Amino acid sequence: MNETGMPMTGKRTKDQAAAENPKSDPTDESNRIKDPDEWTTGSEPMTGAQASYLKTLSEQAKAPDAYEADLDKAEASKRIDALRKETGKD
């Protein structure tokens, strides 16, 4: 083994890989679901996928005013969440 504890073959054991994986720590909240207002990219224009899904949901909910082409990612996400609840998809 070398100074990092890795076998000389250069391959990590499953235990070493798990220990280095931040997702294996159940107390790590870095990957938790964040409020859209806390997103660092929330002020960027909504994605094409968001626009398409929001348009579909607004039509299904018979709420055409819920869709606006110039929304940012955070607002689109909030509206999608609200429409999912309204249409029973949540």
N, C-alpha and C. Protein backbone atom coordinates (compact mmCIF):
# COMPACT_ATOMS: atom_id res chain seq x y z
N MET A 1 0.85 -1.19 0.00
CA MET A 1 0.00 0.00 0.00
C MET A 1 0.89 1.24 0.00
N ASN A 2 0.38 2.29 -0.65
CA ASN A 2 1.12 3.54 -0.68
C ASN A 2 0.72 4.42 0.50
N GLU A 3 1.22 5.67 0.54
CA GLU A 3 0.97 6.56 1.68
C GLU A 3 -0.49 6.97 1.82
N THR A 4 -1.29 6.85 0.77
CA THR A 4 -2.70 7.20 0.85
C THR A 4 -3.56 6.03 1.29
N GLY A 5 -2.92 4.87 1.48
CA GLY A 5 -3.67 3.70 1.89
C GLY A 5 -4.24 2.91 0.73
N MET A 6 -3.91 3.31 -0.49
CA MET A 6 -4.41 2.59 -1.66
C MET A 6 -3.47 1.45 -1.98
N PRO A 7 -4.02 0.34 -2.44
CA PRO A 7 -3.16 -0.77 -2.85
C PRO A 7 -2.23 -0.30 -3.97
N MET A 8 -1.10 -0.92 -4.07
CA MET A 8 -0.12 -0.53 -5.09
C MET A 8 -0.65 -0.73 -6.51
N THR A 9 -1.73 -1.46 -6.66
CA THR A 9 -2.30 -1.67 -7.98
C THR A 9 -2.96 -0.41 -8.52
N GLY A 10 -3.21 0.58 -7.63
CA GLY A 10 -3.86 1.80 -8.04
C GLY A 10 -5.37 1.72 -7.96
N LYS A 11 -5.88 0.55 -7.65
CA LYS A 11 -7.32 0.38 -7.55
C LYS A 11 -7.76 0.57 -6.10
N ARG A 12 -8.93 1.18 -5.95
CA ARG A 12 -9.49 1.36 -4.62
C ARG A 12 -10.37 0.18 -4.28
N THR A 13 -10.41 -0.14 -2.99
CA THR A 13 -11.33 -1.18 -2.56
C THR A 13 -12.72 -0.57 -2.46
N LYS A 14 -13.73 -1.41 -2.36
CA LYS A 14 -15.09 -0.91 -2.21
C LYS A 14 -15.23 -0.09 -0.94
N ASP A 15 -14.57 -0.50 0.14
CA ASP A 15 -14.63 0.24 1.40
C ASP A 15 -14.01 1.62 1.26
N GLN A 16 -12.90 1.71 0.55
CA GLN A 16 -12.25 3.00 0.34
C GLN A 16 -13.13 3.91 -0.51
N ALA A 17 -13.73 3.36 -1.54
CA ALA A 17 -14.60 4.15 -2.41
C ALA A 17 -15.79 4.67 -1.63
N ALA A 18 -16.39 3.84 -0.77
CA ALA A 18 -17.53 4.25 0.04
C ALA A 18 -17.13 5.33 1.03
N ALA A 19 -15.95 5.22 1.60
CA ALA A 19 -15.50 6.21 2.57
C ALA A 19 -15.24 7.56 1.92
N GLU A 20 -14.87 7.57 0.64
CA GLU A 20 -14.59 8.80 -0.07
C GLU A 20 -15.82 9.40 -0.74
N ASN A 21 -16.92 8.68 -0.74
CA ASN A 21 -18.13 9.13 -1.41
C ASN A 21 -18.95 9.99 -0.45
N PRO A 22 -19.13 11.27 -0.75
CA PRO A 22 -19.89 12.13 0.17
C PRO A 22 -21.35 11.71 0.30
N LYS A 23 -21.88 11.00 -0.66
CA LYS A 23 -23.27 10.57 -0.58
C LYS A 23 -23.46 9.43 0.41
N SER A 24 -22.36 8.81 0.85
CA SER A 24 -22.49 7.71 1.80
C SER A 24 -22.66 8.20 3.23
N ASP A 25 -22.51 9.50 3.47
CA ASP A 25 -22.68 10.07 4.80
C ASP A 25 -24.14 10.50 4.98
N PRO A 26 -24.90 9.81 5.81
CA PRO A 26 -26.32 10.13 5.96
C PRO A 26 -26.58 11.49 6.61
N THR A 27 -25.58 12.09 7.23
CA THR A 27 -25.77 13.40 7.86
C THR A 27 -25.41 14.55 6.93
N ASP A 28 -24.85 14.24 5.75
CA ASP A 28 -24.47 15.27 4.79
C ASP A 28 -25.73 15.82 4.12
N GLU A 29 -25.98 17.10 4.27
CA GLU A 29 -27.17 17.72 3.70
C GLU A 29 -26.85 18.56 2.46
N SER A 30 -25.66 18.40 1.90
CA SER A 30 -25.28 19.22 0.75
C SER A 30 -26.11 18.89 -0.49
N ASN A 31 -26.66 17.69 -0.55
CA ASN A 31 -27.46 17.31 -1.71
C ASN A 31 -28.95 17.33 -1.41
N ARG A 32 -29.33 17.98 -0.33
CA ARG A 32 -30.75 18.03 0.02
C ARG A 32 -31.51 18.85 -1.00
N ILE A 33 -32.81 18.66 -1.02
CA ILE A 33 -33.65 19.45 -1.92
C ILE A 33 -33.72 20.86 -1.37
N LYS A 34 -33.34 21.82 -2.18
CA LYS A 34 -33.30 23.21 -1.74
C LYS A 34 -34.51 23.97 -2.26
N ASP A 35 -34.87 24.98 -1.52
CA ASP A 35 -35.92 25.91 -1.94
C ASP A 35 -35.41 26.61 -3.20
N PRO A 36 -36.25 26.73 -4.23
CA PRO A 36 -35.80 27.39 -5.46
C PRO A 36 -35.23 28.79 -5.23
N ASP A 37 -35.69 29.48 -4.18
CA ASP A 37 -35.15 30.81 -3.90
C ASP A 37 -33.69 30.75 -3.46
N GLU A 38 -33.21 29.58 -3.06
CA GLU A 38 -31.82 29.41 -2.61
C GLU A 38 -30.90 28.92 -3.72
N TRP A 39 -31.46 28.61 -4.89
CA TRP A 39 -30.64 28.11 -5.99
C TRP A 39 -29.68 29.18 -6.48
N THR A 40 -28.46 28.79 -6.74
CA THR A 40 -27.49 29.76 -7.27
C THR A 40 -27.79 30.10 -8.72
N THR A 41 -28.48 29.22 -9.42
CA THR A 41 -28.81 29.47 -10.82
C THR A 41 -30.30 29.80 -11.00
N GLY A 42 -30.98 30.08 -9.91
CA GLY A 42 -32.42 30.33 -9.95
C GLY A 42 -32.84 31.52 -10.78
N SER A 43 -31.94 32.48 -10.95
CA SER A 43 -32.30 33.68 -11.73
C SER A 43 -32.03 33.52 -13.22
N GLU A 44 -31.48 32.38 -13.61
CA GLU A 44 -31.26 32.12 -15.04
C GLU A 44 -32.59 31.78 -15.71
N PRO A 45 -32.69 31.97 -17.02
CA PRO A 45 -33.94 31.62 -17.71
C PRO A 45 -34.28 30.14 -17.51
N MET A 46 -35.57 29.84 -17.45
CA MET A 46 -35.97 28.44 -17.28
C MET A 46 -35.45 27.60 -18.44
N THR A 47 -35.26 26.34 -18.16
CA THR A 47 -34.75 25.42 -19.17
C THR A 47 -35.85 25.07 -20.16
N GLY A 48 -35.47 24.50 -21.27
CA GLY A 48 -36.45 24.04 -22.24
C GLY A 48 -37.38 22.98 -21.65
N ALA A 49 -36.81 22.10 -20.84
CA ALA A 49 -37.62 21.05 -20.21
C ALA A 49 -38.64 21.66 -19.25
N GLN A 50 -38.21 22.65 -18.48
CA GLN A 50 -39.14 23.33 -17.57
C GLN A 50 -40.26 24.01 -18.36
N ALA A 51 -39.90 24.70 -19.43
CA ALA A 51 -40.89 25.42 -20.23
C ALA A 51 -41.92 24.45 -20.81
N SER A 52 -41.45 23.35 -21.34
CA SER A 52 -42.34 22.36 -21.94
C SER A 52 -43.28 21.77 -20.89
N TYR A 53 -42.73 21.38 -19.74
CA TYR A 53 -43.53 20.76 -18.69
C TYR A 53 -44.52 21.77 -18.10
N LEU A 54 -44.07 22.98 -17.89
CA LEU A 54 -44.95 24.02 -17.35
C LEU A 54 -46.10 24.30 -18.32
N LYS A 55 -45.81 24.36 -19.60
CA LYS A 55 -46.85 24.59 -20.61
C LYS A 55 -47.88 23.46 -20.57
N THR A 56 -47.40 22.23 -20.52
CA THR A 56 -48.29 21.07 -20.47
C THR A 56 -49.15 21.09 -19.21
N LEU A 57 -48.54 21.33 -18.06
CA LEU A 57 -49.29 21.36 -16.81
C LEU A 57 -50.31 22.50 -16.79
N SER A 58 -49.93 23.66 -17.32
CA SER A 58 -50.85 24.79 -17.31
C SER A 58 -52.07 24.49 -18.19
N GLU A 59 -51.86 23.76 -19.27
CA GLU A 59 -52.98 23.36 -20.12
C GLU A 59 -53.86 22.33 -19.42
N GLN A 60 -53.23 21.37 -18.76
CA GLN A 60 -54.00 20.34 -18.05
C GLN A 60 -54.80 20.93 -16.90
N ALA A 61 -54.24 21.94 -16.25
CA ALA A 61 -54.91 22.57 -15.11
C ALA A 61 -55.89 23.65 -15.56
N LYS A 62 -55.95 23.86 -16.87
CA LYS A 62 -56.80 24.92 -17.44
C LYS A 62 -56.47 26.27 -16.78
N ALA A 63 -55.15 26.50 -16.67
CA ALA A 63 -54.62 27.73 -16.08
C ALA A 63 -53.55 28.29 -17.02
N PRO A 64 -53.95 28.78 -18.19
CA PRO A 64 -52.96 29.24 -19.17
C PRO A 64 -52.09 30.40 -18.68
N ASP A 65 -52.58 31.17 -17.71
CA ASP A 65 -51.79 32.28 -17.18
C ASP A 65 -50.60 31.81 -16.35
N ALA A 66 -50.59 30.53 -15.97
CA ALA A 66 -49.46 30.00 -15.19
C ALA A 66 -48.19 29.91 -16.03
N TYR A 67 -48.36 29.84 -17.36
CA TYR A 67 -47.20 29.77 -18.24
C TYR A 67 -46.85 31.14 -18.77
N GLU A 68 -45.60 31.51 -18.58
CA GLU A 68 -45.04 32.72 -19.17
C GLU A 68 -43.67 32.35 -19.72
N ALA A 69 -43.40 32.73 -20.92
CA ALA A 69 -42.17 32.33 -21.60
C ALA A 69 -40.89 32.90 -20.99
N ASP A 70 -41.00 33.99 -20.24
CA ASP A 70 -39.79 34.65 -19.74
C ASP A 70 -39.52 34.39 -18.25
N LEU A 71 -39.99 33.27 -17.71
CA LEU A 71 -39.76 32.97 -16.30
C LEU A 71 -38.31 32.53 -16.06
N ASP A 72 -37.86 32.72 -14.83
CA ASP A 72 -36.55 32.18 -14.47
C ASP A 72 -36.74 30.77 -13.91
N LYS A 73 -35.62 30.07 -13.69
CA LYS A 73 -35.68 28.68 -13.24
C LYS A 73 -36.44 28.53 -11.92
N ALA A 74 -36.18 29.42 -10.98
CA ALA A 74 -36.80 29.31 -9.66
C ALA A 74 -38.31 29.48 -9.74
N GLU A 75 -38.78 30.50 -10.44
CA GLU A 75 -40.22 30.74 -10.55
C GLU A 75 -40.89 29.61 -11.33
N ALA A 76 -40.25 29.12 -12.37
CA ALA A 76 -40.81 28.01 -13.13
C ALA A 76 -40.97 26.78 -12.24
N SER A 77 -39.97 26.52 -11.42
CA SER A 77 -40.03 25.38 -10.52
C SER A 77 -41.18 25.50 -9.53
N LYS A 78 -41.36 26.69 -8.98
CA LYS A 78 -42.47 26.92 -8.04
C LYS A 78 -43.82 26.70 -8.71
N ARG A 79 -43.95 27.21 -9.93
CA ARG A 79 -45.22 27.06 -10.63
C ARG A 79 -45.47 25.60 -11.01
N ILE A 80 -44.42 24.91 -11.40
CA ILE A 80 -44.55 23.48 -11.72
C ILE A 80 -45.01 22.72 -10.48
N ASP A 81 -44.39 22.99 -9.34
CA ASP A 81 -44.79 22.32 -8.09
C ASP A 81 -46.25 22.59 -7.77
N ALA A 82 -46.67 23.83 -7.90
CA ALA A 82 -48.06 24.20 -7.60
C ALA A 82 -49.04 23.52 -8.56
N LEU A 83 -48.69 23.49 -9.84
CA LEU A 83 -49.57 22.86 -10.82
C LEU A 83 -49.60 21.34 -10.67
N ARG A 84 -48.49 20.76 -10.27
CA ARG A 84 -48.48 19.31 -10.02
C ARG A 84 -49.45 18.97 -8.90
N LYS A 85 -49.47 19.78 -7.86
CA LYS A 85 -50.41 19.54 -6.77
C LYS A 85 -51.85 19.75 -7.24
N GLU A 86 -52.06 20.79 -8.01
CA GLU A 86 -53.39 21.12 -8.50
C GLU A 86 -53.95 20.04 -9.42
N THR A 87 -53.07 19.43 -10.20
CA THR A 87 -53.52 18.40 -11.15
C THR A 87 -53.42 16.99 -10.58
N GLY A 88 -53.04 16.87 -9.30
CA GLY A 88 -52.96 15.56 -8.66
C GLY A 88 -51.77 14.72 -9.06
N LYS A 89 -50.74 15.35 -9.56
CA LYS A 89 -49.54 14.60 -9.97
C LYS A 89 -48.48 14.56 -8.88
N ASP A 90 -48.78 15.12 -7.75
CA ASP A 90 -47.79 15.14 -6.67
C ASP A 90 -48.23 14.30 -5.51
